[in-house]
Protein backbone atom coordinates (compact mmCIF):
# COMPACT_ATOMS: atom_id res chain seq x y z
CA MET A 1 0.08 0.14 0.04
CA ILE A 2 3.01 2.31 1.01
CA TYR A 3 4.51 1.37 -2.25
CA ASP A 4 1.91 2.17 -4.17
CA ASN A 5 1.34 5.60 -3.07
CA LEU A 6 5.26 6.08 -3.38
CA LEU A 7 4.58 5.76 -7.29
CA VAL A 8 2.10 8.98 -7.21
CA PRO A 9 4.42 11.66 -5.74
CA THR A 10 7.55 10.52 -7.44
CA ALA A 11 6.44 10.32 -10.82
CA ARG A 12 5.02 13.73 -10.63
CA ALA A 13 8.07 14.85 -8.56
CA PRO A 14 10.81 17.07 -11.19
CA ILE A 15 13.89 14.89 -11.88
CA THR A 16 15.82 17.50 -9.50
CA SER A 17 13.85 15.92 -6.31
CA GLY A 18 15.21 13.58 -4.55
CA LEU A 19 17.62 12.11 -1.94
CA ARG A 20 20.63 14.01 -0.89
CA GLN A 21 23.61 12.86 1.25
CA GLY A 22 26.96 14.70 1.11
CA GLU A 23 27.94 14.92 -2.66
CA GLU A 24 25.69 12.21 -3.40
CA PHE A 25 21.99 12.88 -4.86
CA THR A 26 19.80 10.50 -6.13
CA PRO A 27 16.59 11.34 -8.04
CA TYR A 28 13.18 9.40 -6.88
CA ALA A 29 12.86 7.99 -10.10
CA ALA A 30 15.77 5.81 -9.40
CA LEU A 31 15.01 5.31 -6.27
CA VAL A 32 11.56 3.84 -6.73
CA GLU A 33 13.58 1.76 -9.35
CA ARG A 34 15.99 0.33 -6.77
CA VAL A 35 12.85 -0.26 -4.17
CA GLY A 36 11.36 -2.65 -6.79
CA ARG A 37 14.72 -4.32 -7.17
CA LEU A 38 15.43 -4.88 -3.46
CA ALA A 39 11.95 -6.03 -2.67
CA ALA A 40 12.34 -8.79 -5.08
CA GLY A 41 15.32 -9.59 -3.88
CA LEU A 42 14.19 -9.60 -0.50
CA ILE A 43 11.45 -11.70 -1.20
CA GLU A 44 13.59 -14.49 -3.06
CA ARG A 45 15.78 -14.59 0.30
CA GLY A 46 12.32 -15.93 2.35
CA ILE A 47 12.27 -12.27 4.09
CA GLY A 48 8.13 -11.42 3.71
CA ARG A 49 4.55 -10.25 5.13
CA GLY A 50 4.88 -9.76 8.58
CA ASP A 51 8.41 -10.59 8.84
CA PRO A 52 10.02 -7.99 11.40
CA VAL A 53 13.58 -6.74 9.89
CA ALA A 54 15.93 -5.05 12.01
CA LEU A 55 17.97 -2.16 10.69
CA LEU A 56 21.06 -0.95 11.68
CA ILE A 57 21.49 1.90 9.49
CA PRO A 58 22.19 5.47 9.90
CA ASN A 59 19.19 7.94 8.80
CA SER A 60 20.54 8.27 4.95
CA PRO A 61 18.82 7.19 1.66
CA ASP A 62 20.48 3.34 2.37
CA LEU A 63 17.23 3.51 5.32
CA PHE A 64 14.83 5.06 2.91
CA VAL A 65 15.06 2.62 -0.04
CA THR A 66 15.51 -0.24 2.74
CA ALA A 67 12.46 0.13 4.12
CA HIS A 68 10.35 0.94 1.66
CA ALA A 69 11.53 -2.28 -0.24
CA LEU A 70 10.39 -4.04 3.37
CA PHE A 71 6.99 -1.96 3.09
CA ALA A 72 6.71 -3.28 -0.47
CA ILE A 73 6.63 -6.78 0.63
CA GLY A 74 4.30 -6.65 3.54
CA ALA A 75 7.72 -7.09 6.00
CA ILE A 76 7.74 -4.25 9.24
CA ALA A 77 10.93 -2.35 9.19
CA MET A 78 12.49 -1.71 12.44
CA PRO A 79 15.10 0.84 12.70
CA LEU A 80 17.10 0.74 15.81
CA GLY A 81 19.80 3.27 16.87
CA GLU A 82 23.47 3.14 16.44
CA THR A 83 24.46 4.60 19.36
CA ALA A 84 22.56 1.82 21.15
CA THR A 85 24.45 -0.39 23.64
CA ARG A 86 24.81 -4.40 23.36
CA SER A 87 22.33 -4.77 25.76
CA GLU A 88 19.45 -2.45 24.75
CA LEU A 89 19.64 -3.69 21.57
CA ALA A 90 19.12 -7.37 22.50
CA ALA A 91 16.32 -5.84 24.64
CA LEU A 92 14.51 -4.87 21.71
CA ALA A 93 15.13 -8.28 19.71
CA TYR A 94 13.83 -10.26 22.56
CA LYS A 95 10.70 -7.89 22.26
CA THR A 96 9.68 -8.33 18.76
CA GLY A 97 11.46 -11.67 17.30
CA PRO A 98 13.60 -9.98 14.05
CA ASN A 99 13.49 -12.44 11.22
CA ALA A 100 16.46 -10.58 9.82
CA VAL A 101 18.93 -8.15 10.40
CA ILE A 102 19.94 -5.34 7.71
CA SER A 103 23.00 -2.97 8.35
CA THR A 104 25.39 -1.27 7.40
CA PRO A 105 29.34 -2.51 6.95
CA GLY A 106 29.99 -0.21 9.67
CA LEU A 107 27.71 -1.32 12.02
CA ALA A 108 27.93 -5.18 11.18
CA ALA A 109 29.33 -6.16 15.00
CA ALA A 110 26.73 -4.40 16.33
CA ALA A 111 24.33 -6.33 14.66
CA GLU A 112 26.31 -9.74 14.93
CA MET A 113 26.08 -9.05 18.75
CA LEU A 114 22.38 -8.69 17.98
CA ILE A 115 21.96 -11.54 16.45
CA ALA A 116 24.41 -13.81 19.01
CA ASP A 117 22.48 -11.85 21.87
CA ALA A 118 18.98 -12.29 21.10
CA ALA A 119 17.94 -13.86 17.64
CA PRO A 120 20.47 -16.90 16.79
CA GLY A 121 20.96 -18.47 13.36
CA ILE A 122 18.47 -15.15 11.80
CA PRO A 123 20.31 -13.87 8.76
CA LEU A 124 22.61 -10.68 8.41
CA LEU A 125 22.49 -8.64 5.01
CA LEU A 126 24.65 -6.04 4.16
CA THR A 127 23.44 -2.92 2.74
CA SER A 128 26.38 -2.75 0.09
CA THR A 129 25.27 -6.34 -1.13
CA LEU A 130 21.73 -6.16 -0.84
CA PRO A 131 20.04 -9.26 -2.66
CA GLU A 132 17.92 -7.53 -5.72
CA GLY A 133 15.73 -9.33 -8.14
CA ASN A 134 13.46 -8.37 -11.04
CA ALA A 135 11.90 -5.26 -10.58
CA THR A 136 8.65 -5.86 -12.46
CA ALA A 137 8.38 -8.88 -9.97
CA GLN A 138 4.73 -9.22 -8.76
CA LEU A 139 4.25 -7.38 -5.37
CA PRO A 140 1.71 -8.42 -2.72
CA LYS A 141 -1.28 -6.46 -2.39
CA LEU A 142 -1.45 -5.03 1.52
CA ALA A 143 -4.58 -3.70 3.00
CA GLY A 144 -4.31 -0.93 5.18
CA ASP A 145 -4.16 -2.35 8.30
CA THR A 146 -0.96 -4.75 7.55
CA THR A 147 1.66 -3.61 9.97
CA ALA A 148 4.95 -1.77 8.12
CA LEU A 149 6.78 -0.19 10.96
CA TYR A 150 7.88 -0.86 14.60
CA LEU A 151 9.39 2.17 16.41
CA PHE A 152 9.95 2.10 20.73
CA SER A 153 8.54 4.35 23.17
CA SER A 154 9.66 4.33 26.34
CA GLY A 155 7.19 3.88 29.40
CA SER A 156 7.03 3.74 33.48
CA THR A 157 7.50 -0.28 33.26
CA GLY A 158 11.35 0.93 32.92
CA LEU A 159 11.36 -1.30 29.71
CA PRO A 160 10.73 0.36 25.80
CA LYS A 161 6.95 -0.55 24.53
CA VAL A 162 6.80 -1.12 20.65
CA VAL A 163 4.60 1.19 18.73
CA PRO A 164 3.32 -0.63 15.77
CA HIS A 165 2.15 1.69 13.34
CA THR A 166 0.61 0.32 9.89
CA HIS A 167 0.69 1.13 6.28
CA ALA A 168 -3.04 3.08 6.69
CA GLU A 169 -1.13 5.16 9.72
CA LEU A 170 2.10 6.09 8.11
CA LEU A 171 0.24 7.29 4.89
CA ALA A 172 -2.41 9.52 6.80
CA ASP A 173 0.64 11.08 8.68
CA SER A 174 2.50 12.05 5.88
CA GLU A 175 -0.78 13.44 4.19
CA ARG A 176 -1.36 15.47 7.55
CA ALA A 177 2.20 16.40 7.95
CA SER A 178 3.39 17.51 4.42
CA ALA A 179 0.07 19.30 4.22
CA ALA A 180 0.60 21.19 7.16
CA TRP A 181 4.34 22.27 6.07
CA GLU A 182 2.80 22.80 2.59
CA LEU A 183 5.45 20.94 1.03
CA GLN A 184 6.37 21.47 -2.35
CA PRO A 185 8.46 19.81 -4.91
CA ASP A 186 10.71 22.97 -4.71
CA ASP A 187 11.86 22.77 -1.05
CA ILE A 188 14.67 21.02 0.74
CA VAL A 189 14.00 19.40 3.53
CA LEU A 190 17.10 19.14 6.12
CA ASP A 191 17.14 15.86 8.50
CA ILE A 192 19.19 16.03 10.83
CA LEU A 193 17.54 13.49 13.49
CA PRO A 194 18.43 9.94 14.07
CA GLY A 195 16.63 7.08 12.00
CA ASN A 196 15.34 5.08 15.17
CA PHE A 197 13.54 9.02 16.19
CA SER A 198 10.28 8.72 15.03
CA LEU A 199 10.48 12.33 13.19
CA GLY A 200 14.22 11.58 11.80
CA PHE A 201 12.66 8.34 10.31
CA LEU A 202 9.17 9.74 9.36
CA LEU A 203 10.81 12.69 7.76
CA GLY A 204 13.05 11.02 5.70
CA ALA A 205 11.24 8.02 4.51
CA THR A 206 7.60 9.47 4.22
CA GLN A 207 6.50 12.91 5.51
CA ALA A 208 9.07 15.31 2.71
CA VAL A 209 8.18 12.84 -0.45
CA ALA A 210 4.46 12.93 0.08
CA GLY A 211 5.09 16.69 -0.98
CA GLY A 212 7.90 15.67 -4.06
CA ALA A 213 10.38 17.89 -1.70
CA THR A 214 13.64 16.90 -1.90
CA THR A 215 15.19 15.32 1.56
CA LEU A 216 18.71 16.61 2.61
CA TYR A 217 20.53 13.98 5.12
CA TRP A 218 23.09 15.77 7.54
CA SER A 219 25.16 13.29 9.28
CA ASP A 220 29.43 14.21 10.48
CA PRO A 221 31.49 12.28 12.32
CA LEU A 222 31.83 15.52 14.87
CA PRO A 223 29.43 16.61 17.30
CA LEU A 224 27.14 19.15 16.15
CA ALA A 225 28.78 21.46 18.28
CA LEU A 226 32.05 21.10 16.07
CA SER A 227 30.05 20.98 12.91
CA ARG A 228 27.78 23.32 13.10
CA LYS A 229 29.70 25.94 10.69
CA LYS A 230 29.82 22.84 8.19
CA LEU A 231 26.50 22.54 8.55
CA LEU A 232 25.30 26.13 8.16
CA ASP A 233 27.72 26.06 4.53
CA THR A 234 25.64 23.28 3.66
CA MET A 235 22.49 24.68 4.41
CA VAL A 236 23.02 27.92 2.70
CA ARG A 237 24.77 25.65 -0.28
CA GLU A 238 21.55 23.65 -0.96
CA ARG A 239 19.42 26.06 -0.20
CA VAL A 240 17.56 24.23 2.01
CA THR A 241 14.18 25.49 3.06
CA VAL A 242 12.60 23.41 5.45
CA MET A 243 14.24 21.95 8.82
CA GLY A 244 12.65 20.36 11.99
CA ALA A 245 14.73 19.72 14.99
CA VAL A 246 14.79 19.78 18.90
CA PRO A 247 15.33 22.99 20.78
CA ALA A 248 19.00 22.02 21.83
CA THR A 249 19.65 21.84 17.76
CA TYR A 250 18.60 25.00 17.15
CA GLU A 251 20.20 26.36 20.63
CA ILE A 252 24.00 24.62 18.97
CA VAL A 253 23.27 25.99 15.25
CA THR A 254 22.63 29.46 16.65
CA GLY A 255 25.27 30.14 18.39
CA GLN A 256 28.10 29.94 15.06
CA THR A 257 29.26 33.29 14.95
CA GLY A 258 29.55 35.32 11.34
CA SER A 259 26.89 35.86 9.15
CA PHE A 260 25.22 33.10 6.96
CA ASP A 261 22.35 33.66 4.28
CA LEU A 262 19.60 30.91 4.46
CA GLY A 263 16.63 30.82 2.92
CA LEU A 264 14.39 29.03 5.67
CA ARG A 265 11.09 29.52 5.01
CA LEU A 266 9.86 26.92 7.89
CA ALA A 267 11.53 26.05 10.96
CA PHE A 268 9.77 23.89 13.42
CA SER A 269 10.77 22.14 16.84
CA GLY A 270 9.33 19.61 18.79
CA GLY A 271 10.74 17.19 21.27
CA VAL A 272 10.93 19.59 24.53
CA ALA A 273 9.17 22.47 25.49
CA LEU A 274 10.80 25.75 23.49
CA LYS A 275 12.69 28.41 25.45
CA ARG A 276 11.92 32.15 24.63
CA PRO A 277 15.88 32.55 24.48
CA ILE A 278 15.99 29.74 21.54
CA PHE A 279 13.07 31.39 20.07
CA GLU A 280 14.29 34.46 19.56
CA ALA A 281 18.16 33.64 18.68
CA VAL A 282 16.17 31.50 15.57
CA ARG A 283 14.72 34.68 14.16
CA GLU A 284 17.87 36.94 14.68
CA ARG A 285 20.13 34.34 13.39
CA LEU A 286 18.21 31.93 10.95
CA GLY A 287 15.69 35.08 9.91
CA THR A 288 12.92 32.90 10.78
CA ALA A 289 10.03 32.34 13.07
CA LEU A 290 10.39 28.76 14.92
CA ARG A 291 7.10 27.27 15.20
CA GLN A 292 6.72 24.36 17.52
CA ASP A 293 4.92 21.07 16.67
CA TYR A 294 3.44 17.94 18.61
CA GLY A 295 3.67 14.69 17.85
CA SER A 296 4.33 11.38 19.87
CA THR A 297 6.02 8.07 18.80
CA GLU A 298 2.22 6.73 19.23
CA ALA A 299 0.50 9.56 17.20
CA SER A 300 3.07 10.65 14.84
CA MET A 301 3.04 14.28 14.03
CA PHE A 302 -0.25 15.73 15.57
CA SER A 303 -0.17 19.37 15.39
CA HIS A 304 1.26 22.39 13.61
CA ASN A 305 1.61 26.38 15.07
CA ASN A 306 0.94 27.93 11.90
CA SER A 307 -0.33 31.32 13.33
CA ALA A 308 0.22 34.35 11.33
CA ASP A 309 1.49 35.99 14.40
CA PRO A 310 4.21 33.38 15.98
CA ASP A 311 5.26 35.98 18.27
CA ALA A 312 2.30 36.41 20.35
CA SER A 313 1.65 32.35 19.94
CA TRP A 314 5.32 31.09 20.70
CA ALA A 315 4.58 28.93 23.31
CA SER A 316 1.61 27.20 21.63
CA VAL A 317 2.44 23.60 19.63
CA GLY A 318 -0.80 24.79 17.18
CA LYS A 319 -4.06 23.39 16.29
CA PRO A 320 -4.74 19.96 15.22
CA ALA A 321 -3.58 19.22 12.29
CA GLY A 322 -5.91 17.34 9.29
CA ASP A 323 -8.60 14.71 11.09
CA ALA A 324 -6.50 14.97 14.48
CA ARG A 325 -8.98 15.95 17.71
CA VAL A 326 -7.86 16.69 21.27
CA ARG A 327 -9.65 17.14 24.36
CA ILE A 328 -8.59 18.19 27.87
CA VAL A 329 -9.74 15.83 31.13
CA PRO A 330 -9.66 17.44 34.35
CA PHE A 331 -6.48 16.31 35.90
CA GLU A 332 -5.49 16.97 39.69
CA THR A 333 -2.94 20.29 39.36
CA GLU A 334 -2.07 23.26 40.67
CA LEU A 335 -1.78 25.21 37.32
CA GLY A 336 -5.79 25.83 37.65
CA PRO A 337 -9.07 24.39 36.22
CA SER A 338 -8.45 24.97 32.44
CA VAL A 339 -5.53 22.38 32.63
CA GLY A 340 -5.92 19.18 32.17
CA GLU A 341 -4.68 15.89 30.54
CA MET A 342 -4.05 15.83 26.60
CA GLU A 343 -5.60 13.48 24.86
CA ILE A 344 -5.91 12.98 21.28
CA GLN A 345 -7.30 11.05 18.11
CA SER A 346 -6.11 11.17 14.91
CA SER A 347 -6.21 8.39 11.65
CA SER A 348 -1.88 8.26 12.46
CA LEU A 349 -2.43 7.05 16.16
CA MET A 350 -1.66 3.57 16.60
CA ARG A 351 -3.76 0.80 17.68
CA GLY A 352 -1.79 0.04 20.78
CA TYR A 353 1.50 -1.45 21.96
CA LEU A 354 2.60 -4.65 20.63
CA GLY A 355 2.16 -7.38 23.35
CA ASP A 356 1.26 -5.17 26.36
CA ALA A 357 -2.29 -5.39 27.49
CA VAL A 358 -1.71 -4.08 30.85
CA ALA A 359 0.05 -0.71 29.25
CA ASN A 360 -2.87 -0.46 26.36
CA ASP A 361 -5.35 -0.30 29.34
CA GLU A 362 -3.53 2.43 30.92
CA ALA A 363 -3.01 4.21 27.55
CA PHE A 364 -6.23 4.29 25.94
CA ASP A 365 -9.91 6.12 27.31
CA GLU A 366 -12.08 4.83 25.44
CA GLY A 367 -10.75 5.55 21.80
CA TRP A 368 -8.78 8.78 23.24
CA PHE A 369 -5.11 8.44 23.43
CA ARG A 370 -3.67 9.55 27.19
CA THR A 371 -0.35 11.72 25.93
CA GLY A 372 0.61 12.22 29.29
CA ASP A 373 1.00 15.74 28.78
CA LEU A 374 -1.00 18.45 30.78
CA ALA A 375 -2.15 21.02 28.63
CA SER A 376 -4.59 24.10 28.13
CA LEU A 377 -6.21 25.30 25.16
CA ASP A 378 -6.30 29.22 24.43
CA GLU A 379 -8.94 31.43 22.88
CA GLU A 380 -8.27 30.64 19.58
CA GLY A 381 -8.10 26.91 20.21
CA ARG A 382 -4.31 26.26 20.25
CA ILE A 383 -2.71 23.69 22.50
CA VAL A 384 0.00 25.03 24.98
CA ILE A 385 1.72 22.23 26.87
CA ARG A 386 1.86 22.91 30.62
CA GLY A 387 3.52 19.78 31.95
CA ARG A 388 3.86 16.29 32.40
CA SER A 389 1.54 13.59 33.91
CA LYS A 390 3.77 10.67 33.67
CA LEU A 391 7.54 10.16 34.67
CA LEU A 392 9.30 9.88 31.40
CA ILE A 393 12.14 12.70 31.34
CA GLU A 394 12.54 14.62 28.45
CA VAL A 395 16.04 15.01 27.30
CA SER A 396 16.94 16.88 23.67
CA GLY A 397 13.63 15.35 22.35
CA TYR A 398 13.86 11.92 23.87
CA LYS A 399 11.63 10.74 26.78
CA VAL A 400 13.75 9.23 29.16
CA ASP A 401 12.43 6.60 31.47
CA PRO A 402 13.73 7.25 35.33
CA ILE A 403 13.03 3.75 36.35
CA GLU A 404 14.91 2.44 33.48
CA VAL A 405 17.78 4.20 34.68
CA GLU A 406 17.20 3.01 37.99
CA GLU A 407 17.10 -0.02 37.61
CA THR A 408 20.80 -0.20 35.51
CA LEU A 409 22.33 1.82 38.22
CA MET A 410 21.23 -0.97 40.86
CA THR A 411 22.69 -3.96 38.92
CA LEU A 412 25.64 -2.76 40.68
CA PRO A 413 26.05 -4.07 43.94
CA ALA A 414 27.34 -1.04 45.30
CA VAL A 415 24.01 0.79 44.79
CA ALA A 416 21.45 -0.26 47.19
CA GLU A 417 18.73 2.30 46.16
CA ALA A 418 18.32 4.82 43.16
CA ALA A 419 15.89 7.78 41.90
CA VAL A 420 16.25 9.73 39.02
CA ALA A 421 14.39 13.14 38.80
CA GLY A 422 14.95 15.72 35.93
CA LEU A 423 16.12 19.33 36.59
CA PRO A 424 15.12 22.36 33.79
CA ASP A 425 17.61 22.71 31.52
CA SER A 426 17.83 25.41 28.65
CA ARG A 427 19.88 23.40 26.29
CA SER A 428 18.46 19.87 26.78
CA GLY A 429 15.11 20.41 28.73
CA ASN A 430 16.36 18.58 31.52
CA ARG A 431 19.79 17.26 33.47
CA LEU A 432 19.16 13.85 34.85
CA ILE A 433 19.93 13.51 38.50
CA ALA A 434 20.83 10.08 40.23
CA PHE A 435 20.07 10.09 44.05
CA VAL A 436 22.11 6.93 44.87
CA VAL A 437 21.84 5.08 48.59
CA LYS A 438 25.15 3.35 48.69
CA GLY A 439 25.41 -0.29 49.24
CA ALA A 440 29.18 -0.43 49.28
CA ASP A 441 31.79 2.50 48.79
CA VAL A 442 31.63 3.73 45.22
CA SER A 443 31.97 7.11 43.46
CA ALA A 444 30.08 9.19 41.28
CA ASP A 445 32.69 8.92 38.27
CA GLU A 446 32.11 5.32 38.36
CA LEU A 447 28.81 5.12 38.73
CA ILE A 448 28.69 7.64 35.50
CA ARG A 449 31.16 5.23 33.57
CA TYR A 450 29.06 2.43 34.51
CA ALA A 451 26.25 3.61 33.36
CA ARG A 452 27.76 4.98 30.09
CA ASP A 453 28.48 1.31 29.49
CA ARG A 454 25.31 0.22 29.43
CA LEU A 455 23.20 3.10 28.64
CA SER A 456 22.66 5.54 25.38
CA VAL A 457 23.89 8.90 26.05
CA GLN A 458 20.83 10.64 26.66
CA LYS A 459 19.77 8.09 29.64
CA VAL A 460 23.36 8.70 31.39
CA PRO A 461 23.08 11.02 34.51
CA ASP A 462 24.51 14.08 34.08
CA GLU A 463 25.02 14.27 38.31
CA ILE A 464 25.08 11.59 40.93
CA ALA A 465 23.90 12.79 44.40
CA PHE A 466 24.28 10.13 47.50
CA ILE A 467 21.88 10.47 49.84
CA ASP A 468 21.22 8.46 53.28
CA ALA A 469 17.37 7.46 52.29
CA LEU A 470 14.90 8.09 49.72
CA PRO A 471 11.96 10.17 50.58
CA ARG A 472 8.86 7.34 50.61
CA SER A 473 5.27 7.58 51.76
CA PRO A 474 3.87 5.70 54.59
CA ALA A 475 3.19 3.25 51.84
CA GLY A 476 6.69 3.07 50.71
CA LYS A 477 6.22 5.03 47.51
CA VAL A 478 9.00 7.11 46.20
CA LEU A 479 8.07 10.70 46.32
CA ARG A 480 9.58 11.87 43.12
CA ALA A 481 8.56 15.60 43.38
CA ARG A 482 10.63 15.85 46.69
CA LEU A 483 13.80 14.34 44.81
CA ARG A 484 14.05 18.06 43.24
CA GLU A 485 13.97 19.42 46.87
CA LEU A 486 17.06 17.71 48.37
């Protein structure tokens, strides 16, 4: 279904539209032809409808082509983080049971460890030697409710949840996003986010192409703080018109000295709340008003702030886009009676987490998805996010589950107890502070090194605070709000 729909915008797109990375550019017509050949080759290798396939591929044209080949045969694309640790990759594989792994040569060692740890015997295919078959081979007809994609969303259990999306949901999201952003074939869309990040994957794989726009994938071995001038030079040279990123990215980019003549018509932000200084820096340095969007792994793109006066509404994530709907449910809070938990519906909302009935009971309220965000609506019906009703801590656009971090720290015998809290930070949204009760002598540096070896970088505590006992209620529950007062 996605493959059939891919043929429509790519057939209309000019030869100048396609995917670009570095010096390489491939027009959509050539990409679609390769997708067809790869799809036929994967069928010949025994991969077919309903088979989950783990993808250890950085966000790139390779990820686009591989994912669409899997979509075309009814298999399930499962992008994984290239910086994830061995134990994290194994945990995700245990949850989904992949039938194969496709990796770049540079990530082959990690792919081999994933297979050894969680899926012995499944094949490893490299992007450099993927099998290709007859591009005119018969591809299956797929219904809209066919599962196409597995993404991962952290939850209160301390373990990632599997978020399945169907062909129909991904198509609905791509239509909603491309319409809200008014994407056109002459747009150059910068995709700077990782491929396992919901927006990073969808922007490059389905959203930009729905409008016939070109996707420019950015990658550099150096951290963004050291490569931002190179990024800005590339944006000027390639005439980037649309950019989506988390606030921390904009803060780093706008910190570059000197002047640069960008042609951005749209820059949008998501992941964490946008701070006013970053909004002002983007307007001053990049020459555009930074818009806020709202989305989630479970619902994909949901709302976009397209107000005629973005300055007056900079704190809003806008109105629901397309067929998306929102309601505010009363929630016990000190923020006032107009603030409640935001629940949403849309045609791109997942039907439920994979194999997790308990989580699904908690996540849905008579068909409405409980976002866990506290929000209110302004006089024009725009959504203003006011806080979180769940435990997740937002760090640089990632939703970090404190329980996962705590459980990791407590696998070290020297840690008797641990509780993690987030403290507001202007760059990342939150800094992670781990409050630790010692069971034996251990230093803060040792604990951070221990966490760094086992957790992705955004989950590693920024600070360790040693305390004698965790604050608890009479029933024994950790009083997390009290942690910030310690």
